[in-house]
Amino acid sequence: MNFQFELILDKVEFFEANNLKTLQKKIESQIDENRAILLAVHSVSHQMHVNENGQTYFTAVVHFKKK
């Protein structure tokens, strides 16, 4: 049996939530998981949208890179 391992060098993940607190928890949870595979946050981009009913919607893109 032949095993071959490849390191993940880059990873981009997308997150969404109805409030900032939930979005932050989702991102922090994924940061901890990616830390286990030796990835660190390289950059974060986020946006907020307000619909016609006044409800807010938050999204974020987090780029992870190898430490």
C-alpha atoms as a PDB file:
ATOM      1  CA  MET A   1       0.000   0.000   0.000  1.00  0.00           C
ATOM      2  CA  ASN A   2       1.406   3.363  -1.020  1.00  0.00           C
ATOM      3  CA  PHE A   3       0.430   6.536   0.869  1.00  0.00           C
ATOM      4  CA  GLN A   4       1.034   9.955  -0.576  1.00  0.00           C
ATOM      5  CA  PHE A   5       0.607  13.141   1.454  1.00  0.00           C
ATOM      6  CA  GLU A   6       0.265  16.620   0.025  1.00  0.00           C
ATOM      7  CA  LEU A   7       0.276  19.763   2.127  1.00  0.00           C
ATOM      8  CA  ILE A   8      -2.470  22.302   1.645  1.00  0.00           C
ATOM      9  CA  LEU A   9      -0.776  25.609   0.864  1.00  0.00           C
ATOM     10  CA  ASP A  10      -3.815  27.850   0.305  1.00  0.00           C
ATOM     11  CA  LYS A  11      -7.451  27.617   1.272  1.00  0.00           C
ATOM     12  CA  VAL A  12     -10.303  30.097   0.802  1.00  0.00           C
ATOM     13  CA  GLU A  13     -13.488  29.738   2.838  1.00  0.00           C
ATOM     14  CA  PHE A  14     -16.784  31.604   2.698  1.00  0.00           C
ATOM     15  CA  PHE A  15     -19.031  32.369   5.669  1.00  0.00           C
ATOM     16  CA  GLU A  16     -22.500  33.876   6.090  1.00  0.00           C
ATOM     17  CA  ALA A  17     -24.747  34.809   9.009  1.00  0.00           C
ATOM     18  CA  ASN A  18     -27.605  37.055  10.046  1.00  0.00           C
ATOM     19  CA  ASN A  19     -25.549  38.828  12.727  1.00  0.00           C
ATOM     20  CA  LEU A  20     -21.912  39.644  13.404  1.00  0.00           C
ATOM     21  CA  LYS A  21     -21.644  37.553  16.558  1.00  0.00           C
ATOM     22  CA  THR A  22     -22.645  34.365  14.720  1.00  0.00           C
ATOM     23  CA  LEU A  23     -20.332  35.181  11.825  1.00  0.00           C
ATOM     24  CA  GLN A  24     -17.440  35.730  14.207  1.00  0.00           C
ATOM     25  CA  LYS A  25     -18.075  32.395  15.962  1.00  0.00           C
ATOM     26  CA  LYS A  26     -18.131  30.539  12.640  1.00  0.00           C
ATOM     27  CA  ILE A  27     -14.854  32.119  11.538  1.00  0.00           C
ATOM     28  CA  GLU A  28     -13.119  31.539  14.887  1.00  0.00           C
ATOM     29  CA  SER A  29     -14.175  27.898  14.859  1.00  0.00           C
ATOM     30  CA  GLN A  30     -12.725  27.402  11.396  1.00  0.00           C
ATOM     31  CA  ILE A  31      -9.510  29.207  12.342  1.00  0.00           C
ATOM     32  CA  ASP A  32      -8.994  26.662  15.136  1.00  0.00           C
ATOM     33  CA  GLU A  33      -9.630  23.747  12.755  1.00  0.00           C
ATOM     34  CA  ASN A  34      -7.261  25.123  10.124  1.00  0.00           C
ATOM     35  CA  ARG A  35      -4.578  25.786  12.721  1.00  0.00           C
ATOM     36  CA  ALA A  36      -4.471  22.012  13.249  1.00  0.00           C
ATOM     37  CA  ILE A  37      -3.437  21.559   9.612  1.00  0.00           C
ATOM     38  CA  LEU A  38      -0.861  24.365   9.870  1.00  0.00           C
ATOM     39  CA  LEU A  39      -2.834  27.074   8.067  1.00  0.00           C
ATOM     40  CA  ALA A  40      -2.994  30.656   9.317  1.00  0.00           C
ATOM     41  CA  VAL A  41      -5.223  33.563   8.306  1.00  0.00           C
ATOM     42  CA  HIS A  42      -3.708  35.551   5.467  1.00  0.00           C
ATOM     43  CA  SER A  43      -6.569  37.952   4.797  1.00  0.00           C
ATOM     44  CA  VAL A  44     -10.236  38.578   5.593  1.00  0.00           C
ATOM     45  CA  SER A  45     -12.816  40.388   3.490  1.00  0.00           C
ATOM     46  CA  HIS A  46     -16.351  41.047   4.651  1.00  0.00           C
ATOM     47  CA  GLN A  47     -19.557  42.722   3.537  1.00  0.00           C
ATOM     48  CA  MET A  48     -22.912  43.665   5.011  1.00  0.00           C
ATOM     49  CA  HIS A  49     -26.180  43.875   3.121  1.00  0.00           C
ATOM     50  CA  VAL A  50     -29.476  45.354   4.300  1.00  0.00           C
ATOM     51  CA  ASN A  51     -32.547  44.087   2.457  1.00  0.00           C
ATOM     52  CA  GLU A  52     -35.768  45.994   1.827  1.00  0.00           C
ATOM     53  CA  ASN A  53     -37.202  44.783   5.169  1.00  0.00           C
ATOM     54  CA  GLY A  54     -34.264  46.250   7.094  1.00  0.00           C
ATOM     55  CA  GLN A  55     -32.731  42.860   7.906  1.00  0.00           C
ATOM     56  CA  THR A  56     -28.953  42.667   7.850  1.00  0.00           C
ATOM     57  CA  TYR A  57     -26.961  39.907   6.225  1.00  0.00           C
ATOM     58  CA  PHE A  58     -23.221  39.459   6.766  1.00  0.00           C
ATOM     59  CA  THR A  59     -20.724  37.559   4.627  1.00  0.00           C
ATOM     60  CA  ALA A  60     -16.993  37.014   4.890  1.00  0.00           C
ATOM     61  CA  VAL A  61     -14.218  35.449   2.848  1.00  0.00           C
ATOM     62  CA  VAL A  62     -11.178  34.198   4.743  1.00  0.00           C
ATOM     63  CA  HIS A  63      -7.967  33.284   2.930  1.00  0.00           C
ATOM     64  CA  PHE A  64      -5.774  30.812   4.809  1.00  0.00           C
ATOM     65  CA  LYS A  65      -2.135  30.144   3.940  1.00  0.00           C
ATOM     66  CA  LYS A  66       0.494  27.716   5.145  1.00  0.00           C
ATOM     67  CA  LYS A  67       2.424  29.017   8.175  1.00  0.00           C
END
